Amino acid sequence: MKKPTTGGEAIRLTNRTAKALREQARRQQFILRLSAVILSVVLSGLSVYLGMQRILFVPLVLLGAIALDALLLALARSRYLQLTGQAICTEAAARIMRGERAEQQRIMQAQRDLEKIKADLSAPRKDKRPAPEPDDEDEDLFGDTPVTTARMPRATAQTEALAPIPAQAETVHRRRRQPRLQVIQGEQAK
């Protein structure tokens, strides 16, 4: 059984820029959380100092500390999500570009192969051997079994065509082929 991932590790990033963005997101979140803790400690000390002079300052300073902590923690979460989103978008863009580049390379290779085949076919043969027949080249596809067709007398073929179909053939159910899953990108979802 697969253990669920936590901490934002569900998406595997392969692009260096995306990895750097995710690391930057973690770093900024840590710095903002650390600053919230340090600010809380400083403001708590300030409330104690001001509370010795006047007790009214204690709840006011503590409420200010709570508000600033909440603001810093919300900012930390926001920056983390923003940079992680940028990392995911960067990774997706890199994958699309790799796929397009691979497709272009396949097309170019197919064109080069086609040109080589055309050049081979149009070049005059230097050796005196006759050109092999197309069927000779494809023998390895069919294996060692010879392909033969059975000939039946016309009378036998006509009687078989008129014979009733067995009950088993009528009850055969065929499964329909399910369409493949498709990845929807960009504006295709609409």
N, C-alpha and C. Protein backbone atom coordinates (compact mmCIF):
# COMPACT_ATOMS: atom_id res chain seq x y z
N MET A 1 0.84 -1.17 0.00
CA MET A 1 0.00 0.00 0.00
C MET A 1 0.89 1.24 0.00
N LYS A 2 0.53 2.20 -0.80
CA LYS A 2 1.33 3.40 -0.96
C LYS A 2 0.99 4.41 0.13
N LYS A 3 2.03 4.93 0.74
CA LYS A 3 1.84 5.92 1.80
C LYS A 3 1.57 7.28 1.17
N PRO A 4 0.55 8.02 1.64
CA PRO A 4 0.28 9.32 1.05
C PRO A 4 1.42 10.28 1.34
N THR A 5 1.71 11.11 0.35
CA THR A 5 2.80 12.06 0.50
C THR A 5 2.29 13.33 1.17
N THR A 6 3.16 13.93 1.94
CA THR A 6 2.81 15.17 2.61
C THR A 6 3.92 16.17 2.37
N GLY A 7 3.65 17.41 2.67
CA GLY A 7 4.67 18.43 2.56
C GLY A 7 4.90 18.90 1.14
N GLY A 8 3.95 18.70 0.25
CA GLY A 8 4.09 19.20 -1.10
C GLY A 8 5.01 18.39 -1.98
N GLU A 9 5.30 17.15 -1.66
CA GLU A 9 6.22 16.32 -2.42
C GLU A 9 5.51 15.45 -3.45
N ALA A 10 4.26 15.71 -3.74
CA ALA A 10 3.49 14.85 -4.63
C ALA A 10 3.95 14.98 -6.08
N ILE A 11 4.45 16.13 -6.47
CA ILE A 11 4.87 16.34 -7.85
C ILE A 11 6.38 16.27 -7.92
N ARG A 12 6.88 15.39 -8.77
CA ARG A 12 8.33 15.22 -8.92
C ARG A 12 8.82 16.22 -9.95
N LEU A 13 9.72 17.08 -9.55
CA LEU A 13 10.24 18.10 -10.45
C LEU A 13 11.57 17.64 -11.02
N THR A 14 11.74 17.81 -12.34
CA THR A 14 12.97 17.41 -13.00
C THR A 14 13.73 18.60 -13.56
N ASN A 15 13.08 19.72 -13.72
CA ASN A 15 13.70 20.91 -14.28
C ASN A 15 14.48 21.64 -13.18
N ARG A 16 15.68 22.14 -13.52
CA ARG A 16 16.49 22.84 -12.51
C ARG A 16 15.81 24.11 -12.02
N THR A 17 15.18 24.84 -12.93
CA THR A 17 14.50 26.07 -12.53
C THR A 17 13.35 25.77 -11.58
N ALA A 18 12.60 24.72 -11.88
CA ALA A 18 11.47 24.35 -11.02
C ALA A 18 11.97 23.90 -9.64
N LYS A 19 13.06 23.15 -9.61
CA LYS A 19 13.63 22.73 -8.32
C LYS A 19 14.10 23.94 -7.52
N ALA A 20 14.72 24.89 -8.20
CA ALA A 20 15.20 26.10 -7.51
C ALA A 20 14.02 26.91 -6.96
N LEU A 21 12.93 26.98 -7.73
CA LEU A 21 11.76 27.72 -7.26
C LEU A 21 11.15 27.05 -6.03
N ARG A 22 11.09 25.73 -6.03
CA ARG A 22 10.53 25.03 -4.87
C ARG A 22 11.43 25.22 -3.65
N GLU A 23 12.74 25.18 -3.85
CA GLU A 23 13.66 25.40 -2.74
C GLU A 23 13.54 26.83 -2.22
N GLN A 24 13.39 27.79 -3.12
CA GLN A 24 13.20 29.18 -2.72
C GLN A 24 11.90 29.34 -1.93
N ALA A 25 10.85 28.62 -2.33
CA ALA A 25 9.58 28.67 -1.61
C ALA A 25 9.75 28.16 -0.18
N ARG A 26 10.46 27.05 -0.03
CA ARG A 26 10.70 26.50 1.32
C ARG A 26 11.52 27.48 2.18
N ARG A 27 12.55 28.06 1.55
CA ARG A 27 13.42 28.98 2.27
C ARG A 27 12.64 30.21 2.73
N GLN A 28 11.84 30.79 1.84
CA GLN A 28 11.07 31.98 2.22
C GLN A 28 10.05 31.66 3.31
N GLN A 29 9.40 30.49 3.20
CA GLN A 29 8.43 30.10 4.23
C GLN A 29 9.13 29.94 5.58
N PHE A 30 10.30 29.32 5.58
CA PHE A 30 11.04 29.14 6.84
C PHE A 30 11.45 30.49 7.43
N ILE A 31 11.96 31.39 6.59
CA ILE A 31 12.40 32.70 7.08
C ILE A 31 11.23 33.50 7.66
N LEU A 32 10.10 33.48 6.97
CA LEU A 32 8.94 34.22 7.48
C LEU A 32 8.40 33.62 8.78
N ARG A 33 8.40 32.31 8.89
CA ARG A 33 7.96 31.67 10.14
C ARG A 33 8.93 31.97 11.28
N LEU A 34 10.22 31.94 10.98
CA LEU A 34 11.22 32.25 11.99
C LEU A 34 11.09 33.71 12.45
N SER A 35 10.85 34.60 11.51
CA SER A 35 10.68 36.01 11.89
C SER A 35 9.42 36.20 12.74
N ALA A 36 8.37 35.42 12.47
CA ALA A 36 7.16 35.50 13.30
C ALA A 36 7.45 35.06 14.73
N VAL A 37 8.24 33.99 14.88
CA VAL A 37 8.58 33.51 16.22
C VAL A 37 9.45 34.55 16.94
N ILE A 38 10.46 35.09 16.25
CA ILE A 38 11.34 36.08 16.87
C ILE A 38 10.54 37.33 17.26
N LEU A 39 9.65 37.77 16.36
CA LEU A 39 8.82 38.95 16.65
C LEU A 39 7.91 38.70 17.86
N SER A 40 7.39 37.47 17.98
CA SER A 40 6.54 37.14 19.14
C SER A 40 7.33 37.23 20.43
N VAL A 41 8.54 36.71 20.42
CA VAL A 41 9.37 36.74 21.63
C VAL A 41 9.72 38.18 21.99
N VAL A 42 10.09 38.99 20.99
CA VAL A 42 10.45 40.39 21.25
C VAL A 42 9.25 41.17 21.78
N LEU A 43 8.09 40.99 21.14
CA LEU A 43 6.91 41.72 21.59
C LEU A 43 6.42 41.24 22.96
N SER A 44 6.62 39.97 23.28
CA SER A 44 6.27 39.47 24.62
C SER A 44 7.16 40.13 25.67
N GLY A 45 8.45 40.24 25.36
CA GLY A 45 9.36 40.92 26.29
C GLY A 45 9.01 42.39 26.43
N LEU A 46 8.62 43.02 25.33
CA LEU A 46 8.21 44.41 25.38
C LEU A 46 6.95 44.60 26.22
N SER A 47 6.02 43.62 26.09
CA SER A 47 4.78 43.73 26.88
C SER A 47 5.07 43.59 28.37
N VAL A 48 6.03 42.73 28.74
CA VAL A 48 6.41 42.58 30.15
C VAL A 48 7.02 43.89 30.65
N TYR A 49 7.94 44.46 29.87
CA TYR A 49 8.58 45.71 30.27
C TYR A 49 7.57 46.85 30.40
N LEU A 50 6.68 46.99 29.38
CA LEU A 50 5.68 48.06 29.44
C LEU A 50 4.60 47.76 30.49
N GLY A 51 4.36 46.49 30.78
CA GLY A 51 3.38 46.11 31.78
C GLY A 51 3.80 46.49 33.18
N MET A 52 5.11 46.60 33.40
CA MET A 52 5.59 47.03 34.71
C MET A 52 5.27 48.51 34.95
N GLN A 53 5.26 49.25 33.89
CA GLN A 53 4.94 50.67 34.02
C GLN A 53 3.43 50.89 34.07
N ARG A 54 2.74 50.20 33.17
CA ARG A 54 1.28 50.35 33.12
C ARG A 54 0.69 49.03 32.61
N ILE A 55 -0.24 48.45 33.30
CA ILE A 55 -0.80 47.12 33.00
C ILE A 55 -1.61 47.12 31.71
N LEU A 56 -2.11 48.24 31.28
CA LEU A 56 -2.92 48.33 30.07
C LEU A 56 -2.11 48.00 28.81
N PHE A 57 -0.81 48.19 28.84
CA PHE A 57 0.03 47.93 27.67
C PHE A 57 0.18 46.43 27.37
N VAL A 58 0.04 45.57 28.36
CA VAL A 58 0.23 44.12 28.17
C VAL A 58 -0.76 43.56 27.15
N PRO A 59 -2.08 43.71 27.34
CA PRO A 59 -2.98 43.13 26.35
C PRO A 59 -2.87 43.81 24.98
N LEU A 60 -2.58 45.10 24.96
CA LEU A 60 -2.45 45.79 23.66
C LEU A 60 -1.24 45.28 22.87
N VAL A 61 -0.13 45.14 23.54
CA VAL A 61 1.08 44.65 22.85
C VAL A 61 0.89 43.19 22.44
N LEU A 62 0.27 42.37 23.30
CA LEU A 62 0.05 40.97 22.94
C LEU A 62 -0.93 40.83 21.77
N LEU A 63 -1.96 41.65 21.72
CA LEU A 63 -2.87 41.63 20.57
C LEU A 63 -2.15 42.06 19.29
N GLY A 64 -1.29 43.05 19.41
CA GLY A 64 -0.47 43.46 18.25
C GLY A 64 0.45 42.35 17.80
N ALA A 65 1.03 41.62 18.76
CA ALA A 65 1.92 40.50 18.43
C ALA A 65 1.16 39.39 17.72
N ILE A 66 -0.04 39.10 18.21
CA ILE A 66 -0.87 38.06 17.58
C ILE A 66 -1.23 38.47 16.16
N ALA A 67 -1.60 39.73 15.97
CA ALA A 67 -1.96 40.21 14.63
C ALA A 67 -0.77 40.15 13.68
N LEU A 68 0.41 40.57 14.14
CA LEU A 68 1.61 40.52 13.29
C LEU A 68 2.02 39.08 12.98
N ASP A 69 1.89 38.18 13.96
CA ASP A 69 2.20 36.77 13.73
C ASP A 69 1.26 36.17 12.68
N ALA A 70 -0.02 36.47 12.81
CA ALA A 70 -0.98 35.95 11.83
C ALA A 70 -0.68 36.49 10.44
N LEU A 71 -0.32 37.76 10.37
CA LEU A 71 0.02 38.37 9.08
C LEU A 71 1.27 37.73 8.48
N LEU A 72 2.29 37.52 9.28
CA LEU A 72 3.53 36.90 8.78
C LEU A 72 3.30 35.44 8.36
N LEU A 73 2.51 34.70 9.13
CA LEU A 73 2.24 33.30 8.77
C LEU A 73 1.40 33.21 7.49
N ALA A 74 0.44 34.12 7.33
CA ALA A 74 -0.35 34.14 6.10
C ALA A 74 0.52 34.51 4.90
N LEU A 75 1.43 35.46 5.10
CA LEU A 75 2.36 35.85 4.04
C LEU A 75 3.29 34.69 3.68
N ALA A 76 3.75 33.96 4.70
CA ALA A 76 4.62 32.80 4.46
C ALA A 76 3.90 31.75 3.63
N ARG A 77 2.67 31.46 3.98
CA ARG A 77 1.90 30.45 3.23
C ARG A 77 1.62 30.92 1.80
N SER A 78 1.31 32.19 1.67
CA SER A 78 1.02 32.75 0.35
C SER A 78 2.25 32.68 -0.56
N ARG A 79 3.41 33.08 -0.05
CA ARG A 79 4.64 33.03 -0.85
C ARG A 79 5.00 31.60 -1.20
N TYR A 80 4.81 30.68 -0.25
CA TYR A 80 5.11 29.27 -0.52
C TYR A 80 4.24 28.74 -1.65
N LEU A 81 2.94 29.01 -1.57
CA LEU A 81 2.02 28.53 -2.61
C LEU A 81 2.31 29.19 -3.95
N GLN A 82 2.63 30.47 -3.93
CA GLN A 82 2.91 31.17 -5.18
C GLN A 82 4.15 30.61 -5.86
N LEU A 83 5.23 30.44 -5.12
CA LEU A 83 6.46 29.93 -5.71
C LEU A 83 6.34 28.46 -6.10
N THR A 84 5.60 27.68 -5.33
CA THR A 84 5.38 26.28 -5.70
C THR A 84 4.55 26.20 -6.98
N GLY A 85 3.54 27.06 -7.11
CA GLY A 85 2.76 27.12 -8.35
C GLY A 85 3.61 27.48 -9.55
N GLN A 86 4.53 28.41 -9.37
CA GLN A 86 5.44 28.77 -10.45
C GLN A 86 6.34 27.60 -10.81
N ALA A 87 6.77 26.86 -9.80
CA ALA A 87 7.62 25.69 -10.05
C ALA A 87 6.86 24.64 -10.85
N ILE A 88 5.61 24.41 -10.51
CA ILE A 88 4.81 23.42 -11.23
C ILE A 88 4.58 23.86 -12.67
N CYS A 89 4.29 25.14 -12.87
CA CYS A 89 4.09 25.65 -14.24
C CYS A 89 5.37 25.57 -15.05
N THR A 90 6.49 25.85 -14.41
CA THR A 90 7.78 25.76 -15.10
C THR A 90 8.06 24.31 -15.51
N GLU A 91 7.76 23.39 -14.62
CA GLU A 91 7.97 21.97 -14.93
C GLU A 91 7.06 21.52 -16.09
N ALA A 92 5.81 21.95 -16.07
CA ALA A 92 4.89 21.58 -17.14
C ALA A 92 5.35 22.16 -18.48
N ALA A 93 5.80 23.41 -18.47
CA ALA A 93 6.30 24.02 -19.70
C ALA A 93 7.54 23.30 -20.21
N ALA A 94 8.42 22.91 -19.31
CA ALA A 94 9.63 22.18 -19.72
C ALA A 94 9.27 20.83 -20.32
N ARG A 95 8.29 20.15 -19.73
CA ARG A 95 7.88 18.85 -20.29
C ARG A 95 7.26 19.01 -21.67
N ILE A 96 6.46 20.05 -21.87
CA ILE A 96 5.86 20.29 -23.17
C ILE A 96 6.94 20.58 -24.20
N MET A 97 7.91 21.41 -23.81
CA MET A 97 9.00 21.74 -24.75
C MET A 97 9.84 20.51 -25.08
N ARG A 98 10.08 19.63 -24.09
CA ARG A 98 10.83 18.40 -24.36
C ARG A 98 10.04 17.51 -25.32
N GLY A 99 8.72 17.43 -25.12
CA GLY A 99 7.90 16.61 -26.01
C GLY A 99 7.89 17.14 -27.43
N GLU A 100 7.79 18.47 -27.57
CA GLU A 100 7.82 19.06 -28.91
C GLU A 100 9.17 18.86 -29.57
N ARG A 101 10.24 19.00 -28.79
CA ARG A 101 11.58 18.81 -29.35
C ARG A 101 11.76 17.36 -29.80
N ALA A 102 11.29 16.43 -28.99
CA ALA A 102 11.40 15.01 -29.36
C ALA A 102 10.58 14.71 -30.62
N GLU A 103 9.40 15.32 -30.72
CA GLU A 103 8.56 15.12 -31.90
C GLU A 103 9.25 15.68 -33.15
N GLN A 104 9.87 16.84 -33.02
CA GLN A 104 10.59 17.43 -34.16
C GLN A 104 11.76 16.54 -34.57
N GLN A 105 12.46 15.98 -33.60
CA GLN A 105 13.57 15.09 -33.92
C GLN A 105 13.08 13.83 -34.61
N ARG A 106 11.94 13.29 -34.19
CA ARG A 106 11.38 12.10 -34.86
C ARG A 106 10.99 12.42 -36.30
N ILE A 107 10.40 13.61 -36.52
CA ILE A 107 10.01 14.00 -37.88
C ILE A 107 11.25 14.16 -38.75
N MET A 108 12.27 14.82 -38.22
CA MET A 108 13.50 15.02 -39.00
C MET A 108 14.17 13.68 -39.32
N GLN A 109 14.18 12.75 -38.36
CA GLN A 109 14.77 11.44 -38.59
C GLN A 109 13.97 10.68 -39.65
N ALA A 110 12.65 10.77 -39.60
CA ALA A 110 11.81 10.11 -40.61
C ALA A 110 12.08 10.69 -41.99
N GLN A 111 12.25 12.01 -42.08
CA GLN A 111 12.55 12.63 -43.37
C GLN A 111 13.91 12.19 -43.89
N ARG A 112 14.91 12.11 -43.00
CA ARG A 112 16.24 11.64 -43.43
C ARG A 112 16.17 10.20 -43.90
N ASP A 113 15.45 9.37 -43.15
CA ASP A 113 15.31 7.96 -43.57
C ASP A 113 14.61 7.85 -44.91
N LEU A 114 13.58 8.66 -45.13
CA LEU A 114 12.86 8.63 -46.40
C LEU A 114 13.77 9.07 -47.54
N GLU A 115 14.58 10.09 -47.32
CA GLU A 115 15.51 10.54 -48.36
C GLU A 115 16.55 9.47 -48.67
N LYS A 116 17.04 8.76 -47.63
CA LYS A 116 18.00 7.68 -47.86
C LYS A 116 17.37 6.55 -48.66
N ILE A 117 16.12 6.22 -48.33
CA ILE A 117 15.43 5.15 -49.06
C ILE A 117 15.24 5.54 -50.51
N LYS A 118 14.82 6.78 -50.76
CA LYS A 118 14.64 7.25 -52.13
C LYS A 118 15.95 7.24 -52.89
N ALA A 119 17.03 7.65 -52.22
CA ALA A 119 18.35 7.64 -52.87
C ALA A 119 18.78 6.21 -53.17
N ASP A 120 18.52 5.28 -52.27
CA ASP A 120 18.88 3.88 -52.51
C ASP A 120 18.07 3.30 -53.66
N LEU A 121 16.79 3.65 -53.74
CA LEU A 121 15.96 3.11 -54.81
C LEU A 121 16.30 3.71 -56.17
N SER A 122 16.70 4.96 -56.19
CA SER A 122 16.99 5.61 -57.48
C SER A 122 18.41 5.35 -57.94
N ALA A 123 19.30 4.93 -57.07
CA ALA A 123 20.70 4.68 -57.45
C ALA A 123 20.77 3.40 -58.28
N PRO A 124 21.59 3.43 -59.35
CA PRO A 124 21.74 2.20 -60.17
C PRO A 124 22.51 1.15 -59.37
N ARG A 125 22.12 -0.10 -59.59
CA ARG A 125 22.76 -1.20 -58.86
C ARG A 125 24.11 -1.50 -59.49
N LYS A 126 25.14 -1.59 -58.66
CA LYS A 126 26.49 -1.87 -59.14
C LYS A 126 26.73 -3.37 -59.27
N ASP A 127 26.13 -4.16 -58.44
CA ASP A 127 26.32 -5.60 -58.52
C ASP A 127 25.32 -6.18 -59.52
N LYS A 128 25.61 -7.33 -60.04
CA LYS A 128 24.80 -7.96 -61.08
C LYS A 128 23.69 -8.82 -60.52
N ARG A 129 23.50 -8.86 -59.22
CA ARG A 129 22.45 -9.69 -58.65
C ARG A 129 21.09 -9.06 -58.96
N PRO A 130 20.09 -9.90 -59.19
CA PRO A 130 18.76 -9.33 -59.44
C PRO A 130 18.19 -8.76 -58.13
N ALA A 131 17.35 -7.77 -58.27
CA ALA A 131 16.72 -7.16 -57.09
C ALA A 131 15.79 -8.17 -56.43
N PRO A 132 15.82 -8.28 -55.12
CA PRO A 132 14.94 -9.25 -54.44
C PRO A 132 13.48 -8.81 -54.58
N GLU A 133 12.63 -9.83 -54.65
CA GLU A 133 11.21 -9.53 -54.73
C GLU A 133 10.72 -9.06 -53.37
N PRO A 134 9.68 -8.21 -53.33
CA PRO A 134 9.20 -7.70 -52.04
C PRO A 134 8.74 -8.80 -51.10
N ASP A 135 8.23 -9.93 -51.66
CA ASP A 135 7.75 -11.01 -50.81
C ASP A 135 8.90 -11.72 -50.11
N ASP A 136 10.09 -11.74 -50.75
CA ASP A 136 11.24 -12.41 -50.15
C ASP A 136 11.68 -11.70 -48.87
N GLU A 137 11.56 -10.40 -48.82
CA GLU A 137 12.00 -9.65 -47.65
C GLU A 137 11.06 -9.84 -46.47
N ASP A 138 9.80 -10.14 -46.73
CA ASP A 138 8.81 -10.22 -45.67
C ASP A 138 8.60 -11.64 -45.15
N GLU A 139 9.41 -12.59 -45.57
CA GLU A 139 9.21 -13.97 -45.13
C GLU A 139 9.40 -14.12 -43.63
N ASP A 140 10.30 -13.34 -43.07
CA ASP A 140 10.54 -13.48 -41.64
C ASP A 140 9.35 -13.01 -40.80
N LEU A 141 8.46 -12.24 -41.38
CA LEU A 141 7.28 -11.79 -40.66
C LEU A 141 6.27 -12.92 -40.48
N PHE A 142 6.24 -13.83 -41.41
CA PHE A 142 5.23 -14.89 -41.38
C PHE A 142 5.72 -16.16 -40.72
N GLY A 143 7.00 -16.30 -40.49
CA GLY A 143 7.53 -17.49 -39.84
C GLY A 143 7.73 -18.61 -40.85
N ASP A 144 7.84 -19.84 -40.34
CA ASP A 144 8.12 -20.99 -41.19
C ASP A 144 6.86 -21.62 -41.75
N THR A 145 5.69 -21.22 -41.33
CA THR A 145 4.46 -21.85 -41.79
C THR A 145 4.08 -21.28 -43.15
N PRO A 146 3.86 -22.15 -44.11
CA PRO A 146 3.46 -21.66 -45.44
C PRO A 146 2.00 -21.19 -45.41
N VAL A 147 1.72 -20.22 -46.20
CA VAL A 147 0.37 -19.69 -46.28
C VAL A 147 -0.29 -20.34 -47.49
N THR A 148 -1.34 -21.13 -47.21
CA THR A 148 -2.07 -21.79 -48.29
C THR A 148 -3.55 -21.51 -48.13
N THR A 149 -4.24 -21.54 -49.22
CA THR A 149 -5.68 -21.37 -49.16
C THR A 149 -6.32 -22.68 -49.57
N ALA A 150 -7.31 -23.09 -48.83
CA ALA A 150 -8.00 -24.35 -49.13
C ALA A 150 -9.04 -24.09 -50.21
N ARG A 151 -9.05 -24.99 -51.18
CA ARG A 151 -10.05 -24.87 -52.24
C ARG A 151 -11.14 -25.90 -52.01
N MET A 152 -12.34 -25.40 -52.08
CA MET A 152 -13.48 -26.28 -51.87
C MET A 152 -14.30 -26.32 -53.16
N PRO A 153 -14.89 -27.45 -53.43
CA PRO A 153 -15.76 -27.48 -54.61
C PRO A 153 -16.93 -26.52 -54.42
N ARG A 154 -17.43 -25.99 -55.49
CA ARG A 154 -18.51 -25.01 -55.42
C ARG A 154 -19.75 -25.58 -54.75
N ALA A 155 -20.05 -26.78 -54.95
CA ALA A 155 -21.26 -27.37 -54.36
C ALA A 155 -21.14 -27.40 -52.83
N THR A 156 -19.98 -27.74 -52.30
CA THR A 156 -19.78 -27.78 -50.86
C THR A 156 -19.87 -26.38 -50.26
N ALA A 157 -19.28 -25.41 -50.92
CA ALA A 157 -19.30 -24.04 -50.42
C ALA A 157 -20.73 -23.49 -50.40
N GLN A 158 -21.54 -23.85 -51.40
CA GLN A 158 -22.92 -23.35 -51.43
C GLN A 158 -23.76 -24.00 -50.33
N THR A 159 -23.55 -25.26 -50.05
CA THR A 159 -24.34 -25.93 -49.01
C THR A 159 -23.96 -25.40 -47.62
N GLU A 160 -22.69 -25.07 -47.42
CA GLU A 160 -22.28 -24.51 -46.14
C GLU A 160 -22.85 -23.11 -45.95
N ALA A 161 -22.99 -22.37 -47.03
CA ALA A 161 -23.54 -21.02 -46.94
C ALA A 161 -25.03 -21.07 -46.58
N LEU A 162 -25.73 -22.10 -47.02
CA LEU A 162 -27.15 -22.21 -46.74
C LEU A 162 -27.43 -22.90 -45.40
N ALA A 163 -26.43 -23.48 -44.77
CA ALA A 163 -26.63 -24.20 -43.52
C ALA A 163 -27.02 -23.22 -42.42
N PRO A 164 -27.85 -23.67 -41.47
CA PRO A 164 -28.25 -22.77 -40.37
C PRO A 164 -27.07 -22.44 -39.46
N ILE A 165 -27.12 -21.28 -38.87
CA ILE A 165 -26.06 -20.83 -37.96
C ILE A 165 -26.31 -21.47 -36.60
N PRO A 166 -25.27 -22.02 -35.97
CA PRO A 166 -25.47 -22.64 -34.65
C PRO A 166 -25.88 -21.59 -33.62
N ALA A 167 -26.52 -22.05 -32.53
CA ALA A 167 -27.04 -21.16 -31.50
C ALA A 167 -25.92 -20.42 -30.76
N GLN A 168 -24.76 -21.05 -30.66
CA GLN A 168 -23.65 -20.41 -29.95
C GLN A 168 -23.19 -19.15 -30.66
N ALA A 169 -23.18 -19.15 -31.96
CA ALA A 169 -22.70 -17.99 -32.70
C ALA A 169 -23.61 -16.79 -32.50
N GLU A 170 -24.90 -17.02 -32.23
CA GLU A 170 -25.83 -15.91 -32.05
C GLU A 170 -25.66 -15.23 -30.69
N THR A 171 -25.20 -15.97 -29.69
CA THR A 171 -25.11 -15.41 -28.34
C THR A 171 -23.74 -14.80 -28.02
N VAL A 172 -22.89 -14.71 -28.98
CA VAL A 172 -21.56 -14.14 -28.74
C VAL A 172 -21.70 -12.64 -28.52
N HIS A 173 -21.17 -12.17 -27.40
CA HIS A 173 -21.20 -10.74 -27.09
C HIS A 173 -19.79 -10.20 -27.21
N ARG A 174 -19.66 -9.11 -27.88
CA ARG A 174 -18.35 -8.50 -28.04
C ARG A 174 -18.26 -7.27 -27.16
N ARG A 175 -17.09 -7.11 -26.57
CA ARG A 175 -16.86 -5.93 -25.75
C ARG A 175 -16.46 -4.76 -26.64
N ARG A 176 -16.97 -3.62 -26.30
CA ARG A 176 -16.58 -2.43 -27.04
C ARG A 176 -15.25 -1.92 -26.50
N ARG A 177 -14.48 -1.42 -27.38
CA ARG A 177 -13.20 -0.86 -26.97
C ARG A 177 -13.44 0.50 -26.32
N GLN A 178 -12.89 0.67 -25.14
CA GLN A 178 -13.06 1.92 -24.41
C GLN A 178 -12.08 2.95 -24.98
N PRO A 179 -12.51 4.21 -25.08
CA PRO A 179 -11.57 5.23 -25.56
C PRO A 179 -10.47 5.45 -24.53
N ARG A 180 -9.30 5.79 -25.02
CA ARG A 180 -8.16 6.02 -24.14
C ARG A 180 -8.34 7.32 -23.38
N LEU A 181 -7.67 7.41 -22.25
CA LEU A 181 -7.69 8.65 -21.48
C LEU A 181 -6.88 9.70 -22.23
N GLN A 182 -7.33 10.92 -22.19
CA GLN A 182 -6.64 12.00 -22.88
C GLN A 182 -6.22 13.05 -21.88
N VAL A 183 -5.04 13.62 -22.10
CA VAL A 183 -4.56 14.71 -21.27
C VAL A 183 -5.08 16.02 -21.88
N ILE A 184 -5.79 16.79 -21.09
CA ILE A 184 -6.34 18.05 -21.57
C ILE A 184 -5.37 19.15 -21.18
N GLN A 185 -4.96 19.91 -22.16
CA GLN A 185 -4.00 20.99 -21.89
C GLN A 185 -4.58 22.32 -22.33
N GLY A 186 -4.33 23.33 -21.55
CA GLY A 186 -4.67 24.70 -21.91
C GLY A 186 -6.15 24.90 -22.12
N GLU A 187 -6.52 25.39 -23.30
CA GLU A 187 -7.89 25.75 -23.62
C GLU A 187 -8.74 24.57 -24.10
N GLN A 188 -8.18 23.36 -24.17
CA GLN A 188 -8.91 22.20 -24.64
C GLN A 188 -10.04 21.80 -23.71
N ALA A 189 -9.97 22.20 -22.45
CA ALA A 189 -10.96 21.79 -21.46
C ALA A 189 -12.30 22.45 -21.73
N LYS A 190 -12.32 23.55 -22.43
CA LYS A 190 -13.58 24.29 -22.66
C LYS A 190 -14.37 23.76 -23.78
